[in-house]
Amino acid sequence: MNYTLLAGLGVLLAAGLDLLLLRTRLLVTRTFWTAYGIVVFFQLVTNGVLTGLPVVRYDPRRILGLRVIYAPVEDLLFGFAMVTITLALWVSLGRRRAGSATPE
């Protein structure tokens, strides 16, 4: 498997986890996309430094070659998957904990 395929699978996994399995439905909220926009900004800054200097290099045969600033599009896909999965799990666990809380 190459980096592009894994990144795409990560996005599908994250969306499925959010919308189908955990049903947190973060992807349909404005709050998620606002927060994600902030995350992407800082991801692009960090990735720009790491790939622009170049501290990190990618095998051109393993990526599509599309870049946003200096970041390969695959990095953005992986970042999306990581943020979405983390937030979906956080919200889901928070809901479970709130539902199992006993009144004092």
N, C-alpha and C. Protein backbone atom coordinates (compact mmCIF):
# COMPACT_ATOMS: atom_id res chain seq x y z
N MET A 1 0.84 -1.18 0.00
CA MET A 1 0.00 0.00 0.00
C MET A 1 0.88 1.24 0.00
N ASN A 2 0.44 2.26 -0.71
CA ASN A 2 1.21 3.48 -0.70
C ASN A 2 0.57 4.54 0.19
N TYR A 3 1.29 5.63 0.36
CA TYR A 3 0.88 6.70 1.25
C TYR A 3 -0.48 7.28 0.85
N THR A 4 -0.71 7.45 -0.42
CA THR A 4 -1.97 8.02 -0.91
C THR A 4 -3.15 7.12 -0.55
N LEU A 5 -3.02 5.84 -0.78
CA LEU A 5 -4.09 4.90 -0.47
C LEU A 5 -4.37 4.86 1.03
N LEU A 6 -3.33 4.84 1.84
CA LEU A 6 -3.51 4.83 3.29
C LEU A 6 -4.18 6.11 3.78
N ALA A 7 -3.81 7.23 3.19
CA ALA A 7 -4.43 8.50 3.57
C ALA A 7 -5.92 8.50 3.23
N GLY A 8 -6.27 8.01 2.06
CA GLY A 8 -7.67 7.91 1.66
C GLY A 8 -8.45 6.99 2.56
N LEU A 9 -7.86 5.85 2.91
CA LEU A 9 -8.51 4.92 3.82
C LEU A 9 -8.71 5.54 5.20
N GLY A 10 -7.75 6.34 5.62
CA GLY A 10 -7.88 7.04 6.90
C GLY A 10 -9.07 7.98 6.92
N VAL A 11 -9.27 8.70 5.83
CA VAL A 11 -10.42 9.62 5.73
C VAL A 11 -11.73 8.83 5.77
N LEU A 12 -11.79 7.74 5.02
CA LEU A 12 -13.01 6.92 5.03
C LEU A 12 -13.28 6.32 6.40
N LEU A 13 -12.24 5.86 7.07
CA LEU A 13 -12.39 5.31 8.41
C LEU A 13 -12.90 6.38 9.37
N ALA A 14 -12.33 7.56 9.30
CA ALA A 14 -12.73 8.64 10.20
C ALA A 14 -14.19 9.03 9.97
N ALA A 15 -14.58 9.17 8.72
CA ALA A 15 -15.97 9.54 8.41
C ALA A 15 -16.93 8.44 8.84
N GLY A 16 -16.57 7.20 8.59
CA GLY A 16 -17.42 6.09 9.00
C GLY A 16 -17.57 6.00 10.50
N LEU A 17 -16.47 6.20 11.21
CA LEU A 17 -16.50 6.17 12.66
C LEU A 17 -17.40 7.28 13.20
N ASP A 18 -17.26 8.48 12.66
CA ASP A 18 -18.04 9.62 13.12
C ASP A 18 -19.52 9.49 12.77
N LEU A 19 -19.81 9.17 11.54
CA LEU A 19 -21.20 9.21 11.07
C LEU A 19 -21.97 7.91 11.30
N LEU A 20 -21.30 6.77 11.20
CA LEU A 20 -22.01 5.50 11.25
C LEU A 20 -21.83 4.72 12.55
N LEU A 21 -20.61 4.59 13.00
CA LEU A 21 -20.36 3.74 14.16
C LEU A 21 -20.67 4.46 15.48
N LEU A 22 -20.01 5.60 15.71
CA LEU A 22 -20.22 6.33 16.96
C LEU A 22 -21.40 7.28 16.91
N ARG A 23 -21.78 7.66 15.71
CA ARG A 23 -22.90 8.59 15.47
C ARG A 23 -22.75 9.91 16.21
N THR A 24 -21.53 10.40 16.26
CA THR A 24 -21.30 11.70 16.88
C THR A 24 -21.66 12.84 15.92
N ARG A 25 -21.63 12.57 14.64
CA ARG A 25 -22.04 13.51 13.58
C ARG A 25 -21.29 14.84 13.63
N LEU A 26 -20.04 14.79 14.01
CA LEU A 26 -19.23 16.01 14.04
C LEU A 26 -19.07 16.63 12.66
N LEU A 27 -18.97 15.78 11.65
CA LEU A 27 -18.71 16.26 10.30
C LEU A 27 -19.84 17.10 9.72
N VAL A 28 -20.99 17.10 10.34
CA VAL A 28 -22.10 17.90 9.83
C VAL A 28 -22.31 19.18 10.64
N THR A 29 -21.36 19.49 11.53
CA THR A 29 -21.51 20.69 12.36
C THR A 29 -20.55 21.80 11.94
N ARG A 30 -21.01 23.00 12.08
CA ARG A 30 -20.18 24.18 11.77
C ARG A 30 -19.02 24.28 12.77
N THR A 31 -19.28 23.90 14.01
CA THR A 31 -18.25 23.96 15.05
C THR A 31 -17.04 23.10 14.67
N PHE A 32 -17.29 21.89 14.19
CA PHE A 32 -16.18 21.02 13.79
C PHE A 32 -15.35 21.69 12.69
N TRP A 33 -16.01 22.18 11.65
CA TRP A 33 -15.29 22.74 10.51
C TRP A 33 -14.55 24.02 10.87
N THR A 34 -15.07 24.80 11.82
CA THR A 34 -14.37 25.98 12.29
C THR A 34 -13.09 25.57 13.03
N ALA A 35 -13.25 24.61 13.95
CA ALA A 35 -12.08 24.11 14.69
C ALA A 35 -11.08 23.46 13.74
N TYR A 36 -11.57 22.71 12.78
CA TYR A 36 -10.67 22.05 11.85
C TYR A 36 -9.90 23.06 11.00
N GLY A 37 -10.55 24.16 10.64
CA GLY A 37 -9.86 25.21 9.90
C GLY A 37 -8.67 25.77 10.66
N ILE A 38 -8.83 25.92 11.96
CA ILE A 38 -7.72 26.39 12.81
C ILE A 38 -6.61 25.35 12.83
N VAL A 39 -6.98 24.08 12.97
CA VAL A 39 -5.99 23.00 12.98
C VAL A 39 -5.22 22.96 11.65
N VAL A 40 -5.94 23.08 10.53
CA VAL A 40 -5.29 23.03 9.22
C VAL A 40 -4.30 24.18 9.05
N PHE A 41 -4.66 25.35 9.51
CA PHE A 41 -3.74 26.48 9.42
C PHE A 41 -2.40 26.13 10.07
N PHE A 42 -2.47 25.65 11.32
CA PHE A 42 -1.22 25.33 12.02
C PHE A 42 -0.54 24.09 11.45
N GLN A 43 -1.31 23.17 10.91
CA GLN A 43 -0.71 22.01 10.24
C GLN A 43 0.09 22.46 9.02
N LEU A 44 -0.46 23.39 8.27
CA LEU A 44 0.24 23.88 7.08
C LEU A 44 1.51 24.65 7.46
N VAL A 45 1.46 25.41 8.53
CA VAL A 45 2.66 26.13 8.99
C VAL A 45 3.74 25.12 9.37
N THR A 46 3.38 24.17 10.21
CA THR A 46 4.35 23.17 10.67
C THR A 46 4.86 22.32 9.51
N ASN A 47 3.94 21.86 8.67
CA ASN A 47 4.33 21.03 7.54
C ASN A 47 5.19 21.84 6.56
N GLY A 48 4.87 23.11 6.41
CA GLY A 48 5.67 23.96 5.53
C GLY A 48 7.10 24.06 5.98
N VAL A 49 7.31 24.18 7.28
CA VAL A 49 8.66 24.23 7.81
C VAL A 49 9.37 22.90 7.59
N LEU A 50 8.69 21.80 7.94
CA LEU A 50 9.33 20.49 7.86
C LEU A 50 9.62 20.05 6.43
N THR A 51 8.70 20.32 5.52
CA THR A 51 8.92 19.87 4.13
C THR A 51 9.57 20.94 3.27
N GLY A 52 9.45 22.20 3.66
CA GLY A 52 10.05 23.26 2.87
C GLY A 52 11.54 23.42 3.09
N LEU A 53 12.05 23.03 4.24
CA LEU A 53 13.48 23.25 4.55
C LEU A 53 14.47 22.34 3.83
N PRO A 54 14.39 21.19 3.54
CA PRO A 54 13.51 20.07 3.80
C PRO A 54 14.04 19.18 4.93
N VAL A 55 13.34 19.16 6.03
CA VAL A 55 13.64 18.25 7.13
C VAL A 55 13.07 16.88 6.79
N VAL A 56 11.87 16.88 6.20
CA VAL A 56 11.18 15.65 5.82
C VAL A 56 11.07 15.62 4.30
N ARG A 57 11.39 14.49 3.71
CA ARG A 57 11.27 14.32 2.26
C ARG A 57 10.37 13.14 1.97
N TYR A 58 9.70 13.21 0.83
CA TYR A 58 8.78 12.14 0.41
C TYR A 58 9.28 11.54 -0.89
N ASP A 59 9.15 10.24 -1.01
CA ASP A 59 9.46 9.56 -2.25
C ASP A 59 8.38 9.94 -3.27
N PRO A 60 8.72 10.62 -4.34
CA PRO A 60 7.72 11.08 -5.31
C PRO A 60 6.90 9.94 -5.93
N ARG A 61 7.43 8.73 -5.88
CA ARG A 61 6.68 7.58 -6.41
C ARG A 61 5.58 7.13 -5.47
N ARG A 62 5.60 7.62 -4.23
CA ARG A 62 4.64 7.17 -3.21
C ARG A 62 3.53 8.17 -2.92
N ILE A 63 3.61 9.37 -3.51
CA ILE A 63 2.58 10.39 -3.29
C ILE A 63 2.05 10.88 -4.63
N LEU A 64 0.90 11.55 -4.58
CA LEU A 64 0.30 12.07 -5.81
C LEU A 64 1.13 13.19 -6.43
N GLY A 65 1.79 13.96 -5.58
CA GLY A 65 2.56 15.10 -6.07
C GLY A 65 1.80 16.41 -5.91
N LEU A 66 0.52 16.34 -5.55
CA LEU A 66 -0.25 17.56 -5.29
C LEU A 66 0.15 18.10 -3.92
N ARG A 67 0.42 19.40 -3.86
CA ARG A 67 0.83 20.01 -2.60
C ARG A 67 -0.01 21.24 -2.31
N VAL A 68 -0.26 21.45 -1.04
CA VAL A 68 -0.88 22.68 -0.57
C VAL A 68 0.22 23.38 0.21
N ILE A 69 0.65 24.50 -0.34
CA ILE A 69 1.87 25.18 0.10
C ILE A 69 2.99 24.16 -0.10
N TYR A 70 3.61 23.66 0.97
CA TYR A 70 4.63 22.62 0.80
C TYR A 70 4.11 21.23 1.15
N ALA A 71 2.94 21.17 1.76
CA ALA A 71 2.42 19.91 2.30
C ALA A 71 1.84 19.02 1.20
N PRO A 72 2.29 17.78 1.12
CA PRO A 72 1.62 16.85 0.21
C PRO A 72 0.16 16.69 0.65
N VAL A 73 -0.73 16.58 -0.29
CA VAL A 73 -2.15 16.47 0.02
C VAL A 73 -2.42 15.29 0.96
N GLU A 74 -1.61 14.26 0.87
CA GLU A 74 -1.77 13.09 1.74
C GLU A 74 -1.59 13.46 3.21
N ASP A 75 -0.67 14.40 3.51
CA ASP A 75 -0.49 14.84 4.89
C ASP A 75 -1.76 15.49 5.43
N LEU A 76 -2.42 16.26 4.58
CA LEU A 76 -3.66 16.90 4.99
C LEU A 76 -4.76 15.87 5.23
N LEU A 77 -4.79 14.84 4.39
CA LEU A 77 -5.78 13.78 4.58
C LEU A 77 -5.54 13.03 5.89
N PHE A 78 -4.28 12.70 6.17
CA PHE A 78 -3.96 12.02 7.42
C PHE A 78 -4.29 12.91 8.61
N GLY A 79 -3.98 14.19 8.51
CA GLY A 79 -4.29 15.12 9.59
C GLY A 79 -5.79 15.17 9.85
N PHE A 80 -6.57 15.22 8.79
CA PHE A 80 -8.02 15.22 8.91
C PHE A 80 -8.49 13.96 9.64
N ALA A 81 -7.97 12.82 9.23
CA ALA A 81 -8.37 11.55 9.85
C ALA A 81 -8.01 11.52 11.33
N MET A 82 -6.82 11.96 11.67
CA MET A 82 -6.39 11.94 13.07
C MET A 82 -7.25 12.85 13.93
N VAL A 83 -7.51 14.06 13.46
CA VAL A 83 -8.32 15.01 14.23
C VAL A 83 -9.75 14.50 14.37
N THR A 84 -10.33 14.02 13.29
CA THR A 84 -11.71 13.56 13.31
C THR A 84 -11.89 12.35 14.22
N ILE A 85 -11.00 11.38 14.12
CA ILE A 85 -11.10 10.19 14.97
C ILE A 85 -10.94 10.57 16.44
N THR A 86 -9.97 11.41 16.75
CA THR A 86 -9.76 11.83 18.13
C THR A 86 -10.98 12.54 18.70
N LEU A 87 -11.52 13.49 17.95
CA LEU A 87 -12.69 14.23 18.44
C LEU A 87 -13.94 13.35 18.54
N ALA A 88 -14.14 12.47 17.57
CA ALA A 88 -15.30 11.59 17.62
C ALA A 88 -15.24 10.67 18.84
N LEU A 89 -14.07 10.13 19.12
CA LEU A 89 -13.92 9.28 20.31
C LEU A 89 -14.13 10.08 21.58
N TRP A 90 -13.60 11.30 21.61
CA TRP A 90 -13.73 12.16 22.78
C TRP A 90 -15.21 12.46 23.06
N VAL A 91 -15.92 12.86 22.03
CA VAL A 91 -17.34 13.17 22.18
C VAL A 91 -18.12 11.93 22.59
N SER A 92 -17.86 10.82 21.94
CA SER A 92 -18.57 9.58 22.25
C SER A 92 -18.33 9.15 23.70
N LEU A 93 -17.09 9.16 24.13
CA LEU A 93 -16.78 8.77 25.51
C LEU A 93 -17.38 9.76 26.51
N GLY A 94 -17.39 11.03 26.16
CA GLY A 94 -18.01 12.03 27.02
C GLY A 94 -19.50 11.81 27.17
N ARG A 95 -20.15 11.45 26.08
CA ARG A 95 -21.58 11.16 26.14
C ARG A 95 -21.86 9.94 27.01
N ARG A 96 -21.05 8.92 26.87
CA ARG A 96 -21.23 7.71 27.67
C ARG A 96 -21.04 8.01 29.15
N ARG A 97 -20.01 8.79 29.43
CA ARG A 97 -19.74 9.12 30.83
C ARG A 97 -20.88 9.95 31.41
N ALA A 98 -21.38 10.90 30.66
CA ALA A 98 -22.49 11.73 31.13
C ALA A 98 -23.75 10.88 31.32
N GLY A 99 -23.95 9.91 30.45
CA GLY A 99 -25.13 9.03 30.56
C GLY A 99 -25.04 8.07 31.72
N SER A 100 -23.83 7.74 32.16
CA SER A 100 -23.69 6.77 33.25
C SER A 100 -23.50 7.44 34.60
N ALA A 101 -23.48 8.77 34.60
CA ALA A 101 -23.29 9.49 35.86
C ALA A 101 -24.52 9.28 36.75
N THR A 102 -24.25 9.03 38.02
CA THR A 102 -25.34 8.83 38.97
C THR A 102 -25.65 10.14 39.66
N PRO A 103 -26.93 10.43 39.87
CA PRO A 103 -27.27 11.68 40.58
C PRO A 103 -26.81 11.62 42.03
N GLU A 104 -26.41 12.76 42.53
CA GLU A 104 -25.91 12.80 43.92
C GLU A 104 -27.02 13.05 44.89
